[in-house]
Amino acid sequence: MADLTLLTDDELHERRTSLRQSLTTAANLVPTPSTAFFEKLKQDIDAATAEWIARRS
């Protein structure tokens, strides 16, 4: 990776723009998770929270 401190403002701007476009393209390729995924995630978070509270009590 190039030393970013050596780049000009214009080069940094160009690099940011390029990275943003790449990340946007990559994000568009990833399918949106199903509702079940988010429900399971919430259950896992709730279970971890309950375990944390139980251990702290």
PDB file of N, CA and C in Angstrom:
ATOM      1  N   MET A   1       0.851  -1.183   0.000  1.00  0.00           N
ATOM      2  CA  MET A   1       0.000   0.000   0.000  1.00  0.00           C
ATOM      3  C   MET A   1       0.889   1.236   0.000  1.00  0.00           C
ATOM      4  N   ALA A   2       0.504   2.187  -0.766  1.00  0.00           N
ATOM      5  CA  ALA A   2       1.264   3.428  -0.873  1.00  0.00           C
ATOM      6  C   ALA A   2       1.170   4.229   0.426  1.00  0.00           C
ATOM      7  N   ASP A   3       2.216   4.988   0.694  1.00  0.00           N
ATOM      8  CA  ASP A   3       2.203   5.885   1.853  1.00  0.00           C
ATOM      9  C   ASP A   3       1.270   7.048   1.514  1.00  0.00           C
ATOM     10  N   LEU A   4       0.131   7.100   2.169  1.00  0.00           N
ATOM     11  CA  LEU A   4      -0.883   8.102   1.853  1.00  0.00           C
ATOM     12  C   LEU A   4      -0.409   9.529   2.126  1.00  0.00           C
ATOM     13  N   THR A   5       0.573   9.664   3.000  1.00  0.00           N
ATOM     14  CA  THR A   5       1.082  11.011   3.296  1.00  0.00           C
ATOM     15  C   THR A   5       1.840  11.607   2.116  1.00  0.00           C
ATOM     16  N   LEU A   6       2.241  10.752   1.170  1.00  0.00           N
ATOM     17  CA  LEU A   6       2.988  11.229   0.008  1.00  0.00           C
ATOM     18  C   LEU A   6       2.080  11.646  -1.142  1.00  0.00           C
ATOM     19  N   LEU A   7       0.784  11.366  -1.034  1.00  0.00           N
ATOM     20  CA  LEU A   7      -0.148  11.691  -2.112  1.00  0.00           C
ATOM     21  C   LEU A   7      -0.604  13.146  -2.023  1.00  0.00           C
ATOM     22  N   THR A   8      -0.879  13.725  -3.172  1.00  0.00           N
ATOM     23  CA  THR A   8      -1.433  15.078  -3.204  1.00  0.00           C
ATOM     24  C   THR A   8      -2.907  15.023  -2.832  1.00  0.00           C
ATOM     25  N   ASP A   9      -3.501  16.169  -2.575  1.00  0.00           N
ATOM     26  CA  ASP A   9      -4.930  16.223  -2.271  1.00  0.00           C
ATOM     27  C   ASP A   9      -5.755  15.636  -3.410  1.00  0.00           C
ATOM     28  N   ASP A  10      -5.380  15.955  -4.638  1.00  0.00           N
ATOM     29  CA  ASP A  10      -6.113  15.434  -5.798  1.00  0.00           C
ATOM     30  C   ASP A  10      -5.986  13.913  -5.898  1.00  0.00           C
ATOM     31  N   GLU A  11      -4.806  13.393  -5.609  1.00  0.00           N
ATOM     32  CA  GLU A  11      -4.602  11.940  -5.650  1.00  0.00           C
ATOM     33  C   GLU A  11      -5.409  11.245  -4.557  1.00  0.00           C
ATOM     34  N   LEU A  12      -5.443  11.865  -3.383  1.00  0.00           N
ATOM     35  CA  LEU A  12      -6.245  11.294  -2.291  1.00  0.00           C
ATOM     36  C   LEU A  12      -7.729  11.300  -2.648  1.00  0.00           C
ATOM     37  N   HIS A  13      -8.194  12.394  -3.232  1.00  0.00           N
ATOM     38  CA  HIS A  13      -9.590  12.489  -3.633  1.00  0.00           C
ATOM     39  C   HIS A  13      -9.913  11.420  -4.680  1.00  0.00           C
ATOM     40  N   GLU A  14      -9.031  11.248  -5.644  1.00  0.00           N
ATOM     41  CA  GLU A  14      -9.236  10.237  -6.685  1.00  0.00           C
ATOM     42  C   GLU A  14      -9.272   8.832  -6.082  1.00  0.00           C
ATOM     43  N   ARG A  15      -8.391   8.588  -5.134  1.00  0.00           N
ATOM     44  CA  ARG A  15      -8.346   7.277  -4.473  1.00  0.00           C
ATOM     45  C   ARG A  15      -9.630   7.024  -3.686  1.00  0.00           C
ATOM     46  N   ARG A  16     -10.100   8.031  -2.942  1.00  0.00           N
ATOM     47  CA  ARG A  16     -11.346   7.892  -2.180  1.00  0.00           C
ATOM     48  C   ARG A  16     -12.520   7.608  -3.109  1.00  0.00           C
ATOM     49  N   THR A  17     -12.588   8.342  -4.210  1.00  0.00           N
ATOM     50  CA  THR A  17     -13.676   8.159  -5.165  1.00  0.00           C
ATOM     51  C   THR A  17     -13.653   6.745  -5.728  1.00  0.00           C
ATOM     52  N   SER A  18     -12.487   6.274  -6.078  1.00  0.00           N
ATOM     53  CA  SER A  18     -12.331   4.932  -6.626  1.00  0.00           C
ATOM     54  C   SER A  18     -12.740   3.871  -5.608  1.00  0.00           C
ATOM     55  N   LEU A  19     -12.294   4.033  -4.377  1.00  0.00           N
ATOM     56  CA  LEU A  19     -12.661   3.071  -3.327  1.00  0.00           C
ATOM     57  C   LEU A  19     -14.160   3.085  -3.058  1.00  0.00           C
ATOM     58  N   ARG A  20     -14.754   4.264  -3.033  1.00  0.00           N
ATOM     59  CA  ARG A  20     -16.191   4.370  -2.778  1.00  0.00           C
ATOM     60  C   ARG A  20     -16.971   3.647  -3.873  1.00  0.00           C
ATOM     61  N   GLN A  21     -16.567   3.829  -5.119  1.00  0.00           N
ATOM     62  CA  GLN A  21     -17.256   3.164  -6.227  1.00  0.00           C
ATOM     63  C   GLN A  21     -17.102   1.656  -6.128  1.00  0.00           C
ATOM     64  N   SER A  22     -15.904   1.193  -5.765  1.00  0.00           N
ATOM     65  CA  SER A  22     -15.660  -0.244  -5.622  1.00  0.00           C
ATOM     66  C   SER A  22     -16.511  -0.835  -4.500  1.00  0.00           C
ATOM     67  N   LEU A  23     -16.562  -0.129  -3.369  1.00  0.00           N
ATOM     68  CA  LEU A  23     -17.341  -0.633  -2.241  1.00  0.00           C
ATOM     69  C   LEU A  23     -18.836  -0.627  -2.541  1.00  0.00           C
ATOM     70  N   THR A  24     -19.301   0.399  -3.241  1.00  0.00           N
ATOM     71  CA  THR A  24     -20.715   0.463  -3.615  1.00  0.00           C
ATOM     72  C   THR A  24     -21.065  -0.688  -4.544  1.00  0.00           C
ATOM     73  N   THR A  25     -20.207  -0.943  -5.519  1.00  0.00           N
ATOM     74  CA  THR A  25     -20.430  -2.061  -6.441  1.00  0.00           C
ATOM     75  C   THR A  25     -20.450  -3.379  -5.686  1.00  0.00           C
ATOM     76  N   ALA A  26     -19.503  -3.564  -4.786  1.00  0.00           N
ATOM     77  CA  ALA A  26     -19.445  -4.806  -4.001  1.00  0.00           C
ATOM     78  C   ALA A  26     -20.690  -4.958  -3.134  1.00  0.00           C
ATOM     79  N   ALA A  27     -21.130  -3.880  -2.518  1.00  0.00           N
ATOM     80  CA  ALA A  27     -22.319  -3.937  -1.666  1.00  0.00           C
ATOM     81  C   ALA A  27     -23.560  -4.291  -2.472  1.00  0.00           C
ATOM     82  N   ASN A  28     -23.627  -3.821  -3.697  1.00  0.00           N
ATOM     83  CA  ASN A  28     -24.774  -4.125  -4.547  1.00  0.00           C
ATOM     84  C   ASN A  28     -24.803  -5.589  -4.974  1.00  0.00           C
ATOM     85  N   LEU A  29     -23.663  -6.264  -4.936  1.00  0.00           N
ATOM     86  CA  LEU A  29     -23.588  -7.668  -5.321  1.00  0.00           C
ATOM     87  C   LEU A  29     -24.010  -8.606  -4.190  1.00  0.00           C
ATOM     88  N   VAL A  30     -23.955  -8.102  -2.968  1.00  0.00           N
ATOM     89  CA  VAL A  30     -24.300  -8.921  -1.806  1.00  0.00           C
ATOM     90  C   VAL A  30     -25.813  -8.920  -1.633  1.00  0.00           C
ATOM     91  N   PRO A  31     -26.421 -10.099  -1.609  1.00  0.00           N
ATOM     92  CA  PRO A  31     -27.878 -10.132  -1.448  1.00  0.00           C
ATOM     93  C   PRO A  31     -28.302  -9.657  -0.059  1.00  0.00           C
ATOM     94  N   THR A  32     -29.451  -9.043   0.010  1.00  0.00           N
ATOM     95  CA  THR A  32     -29.998  -8.600   1.293  1.00  0.00           C
ATOM     96  C   THR A  32     -30.413  -9.827   2.097  1.00  0.00           C
ATOM     97  N   PRO A  33     -29.967  -9.922   3.339  1.00  0.00           N
ATOM     98  CA  PRO A  33     -30.344 -11.075   4.161  1.00  0.00           C
ATOM     99  C   PRO A  33     -31.861 -11.147   4.360  1.00  0.00           C
ATOM    100  N   SER A  34     -32.327 -12.356   4.585  1.00  0.00           N
ATOM    101  CA  SER A  34     -33.756 -12.560   4.802  1.00  0.00           C
ATOM    102  C   SER A  34     -34.173 -12.014   6.169  1.00  0.00           C
ATOM    103  N   THR A  35     -35.465 -11.863   6.344  1.00  0.00           N
ATOM    104  CA  THR A  35     -36.004 -11.416   7.631  1.00  0.00           C
ATOM    105  C   THR A  35     -35.628 -12.399   8.730  1.00  0.00           C
ATOM    106  N   ALA A  36     -35.611 -13.685   8.412  1.00  0.00           N
ATOM    107  CA  ALA A  36     -35.250 -14.710   9.390  1.00  0.00           C
ATOM    108  C   ALA A  36     -33.832 -14.492   9.924  1.00  0.00           C
ATOM    109  N   PHE A  37     -32.935 -14.034   9.062  1.00  0.00           N
ATOM    110  CA  PHE A  37     -31.568 -13.756   9.497  1.00  0.00           C
ATOM    111  C   PHE A  37     -31.561 -12.706  10.601  1.00  0.00           C
ATOM    112  N   PHE A  38     -32.316 -11.626  10.403  1.00  0.00           N
ATOM    113  CA  PHE A  38     -32.342 -10.551  11.395  1.00  0.00           C
ATOM    114  C   PHE A  38     -33.063 -10.983  12.663  1.00  0.00           C
ATOM    115  N   GLU A  39     -34.100 -11.814  12.537  1.00  0.00           N
ATOM    116  CA  GLU A  39     -34.788 -12.334  13.719  1.00  0.00           C
ATOM    117  C   GLU A  39     -33.850 -13.207  14.546  1.00  0.00           C
ATOM    118  N   LYS A  40     -33.082 -14.080  13.860  1.00  0.00           N
ATOM    119  CA  LYS A  40     -32.125 -14.948  14.554  1.00  0.00           C
ATOM    120  C   LYS A  40     -31.022 -14.107  15.190  1.00  0.00           C
ATOM    121  N   LEU A  41     -30.568 -13.088  14.488  1.00  0.00           N
ATOM    122  CA  LEU A  41     -29.547 -12.200  15.033  1.00  0.00           C
ATOM    123  C   LEU A  41     -30.042 -11.528  16.305  1.00  0.00           C
ATOM    124  N   LYS A  42     -31.284 -11.056  16.297  1.00  0.00           N
ATOM    125  CA  LYS A  42     -31.859 -10.421  17.485  1.00  0.00           C
ATOM    126  C   LYS A  42     -31.956 -11.414  18.634  1.00  0.00           C
ATOM    127  N   GLN A  43     -32.373 -12.645  18.334  1.00  0.00           N
ATOM    128  CA  GLN A  43     -32.451 -13.672  19.366  1.00  0.00           C
ATOM    129  C   GLN A  43     -31.070 -13.940  19.974  1.00  0.00           C
ATOM    130  N   ASP A  44     -30.059 -14.026  19.109  1.00  0.00           N
ATOM    131  CA  ASP A  44     -28.697 -14.274  19.590  1.00  0.00           C
ATOM    132  C   ASP A  44     -28.204 -13.115  20.462  1.00  0.00           C
ATOM    133  N   ILE A  45     -28.510 -11.901  20.048  1.00  0.00           N
ATOM    134  CA  ILE A  45     -28.107 -10.729  20.832  1.00  0.00           C
ATOM    135  C   ILE A  45     -28.831 -10.722  22.180  1.00  0.00           C
ATOM    136  N   ASP A  46     -30.123 -11.015  22.158  1.00  0.00           N
ATOM    137  CA  ASP A  46     -30.895 -11.062  23.403  1.00  0.00           C
ATOM    138  C   ASP A  46     -30.364 -12.142  24.343  1.00  0.00           C
ATOM    139  N   ALA A  47     -30.017 -13.300  23.780  1.00  0.00           N
ATOM    140  CA  ALA A  47     -29.483 -14.391  24.597  1.00  0.00           C
ATOM    141  C   ALA A  47     -28.127 -14.008  25.192  1.00  0.00           C
ATOM    142  N   ALA A  48     -27.285 -13.380  24.398  1.00  0.00           N
ATOM    143  CA  ALA A  48     -25.974 -12.954  24.892  1.00  0.00           C
ATOM    144  C   ALA A  48     -26.128 -11.889  25.968  1.00  0.00           C
ATOM    145  N   THR A  49     -27.087 -10.999  25.787  1.00  0.00           N
ATOM    146  CA  THR A  49     -27.353  -9.956  26.781  1.00  0.00           C
ATOM    147  C   THR A  49     -27.819 -10.582  28.092  1.00  0.00           C
ATOM    148  N   ALA A  50     -28.740 -11.528  27.997  1.00  0.00           N
ATOM    149  CA  ALA A  50     -29.243 -12.196  29.198  1.00  0.00           C
ATOM    150  C   ALA A  50     -28.113 -12.935  29.916  1.00  0.00           C
ATOM    151  N   GLU A  51     -27.253 -13.596  29.158  1.00  0.00           N
ATOM    152  CA  GLU A  51     -26.115 -14.303  29.757  1.00  0.00           C
ATOM    153  C   GLU A  51     -25.166 -13.317  30.446  1.00  0.00           C
ATOM    154  N   TRP A  52     -24.916 -12.205  29.805  1.00  0.00           N
ATOM    155  CA  TRP A  52     -24.043 -11.175  30.380  1.00  0.00           C
ATOM    156  C   TRP A  52     -24.630 -10.644  31.684  1.00  0.00           C
ATOM    157  N   ILE A  53     -25.932 -10.360  31.687  1.00  0.00           N
ATOM    158  CA  ILE A  53     -26.582  -9.839  32.894  1.00  0.00           C
ATOM    159  C   ILE A  53     -26.542 -10.878  33.998  1.00  0.00           C
ATOM    160  N   ALA A  54     -26.800 -12.141  33.664  1.00  0.00           N
ATOM    161  CA  ALA A  54     -26.769 -13.208  34.668  1.00  0.00           C
ATOM    162  C   ALA A  54     -25.392 -13.342  35.288  1.00  0.00           C
ATOM    163  N   ARG A  55     -24.359 -13.224  34.490  1.00  0.00           N
ATOM    164  CA  ARG A  55     -23.003 -13.349  35.009  1.00  0.00           C
ATOM    165  C   ARG A  55     -22.602 -12.151  35.861  1.00  0.00           C
ATOM    166  N   ARG A  56     -23.173 -11.000  35.570  1.00  0.00           N
ATOM    167  CA  ARG A  56     -22.838  -9.781  36.311  1.00  0.00           C
ATOM    168  C   ARG A  56     -23.633  -9.658  37.615  1.00  0.00           C
ATOM    169  N   SER A  57     -24.671 -10.480  37.759  1.00  0.00           N
ATOM    170  CA  SER A  57     -25.533 -10.384  38.958  1.00  0.00           C
ATOM    171  C   SER A  57     -24.941 -11.167  40.113  1.00  0.00           C
TER     172      SER A  57
END
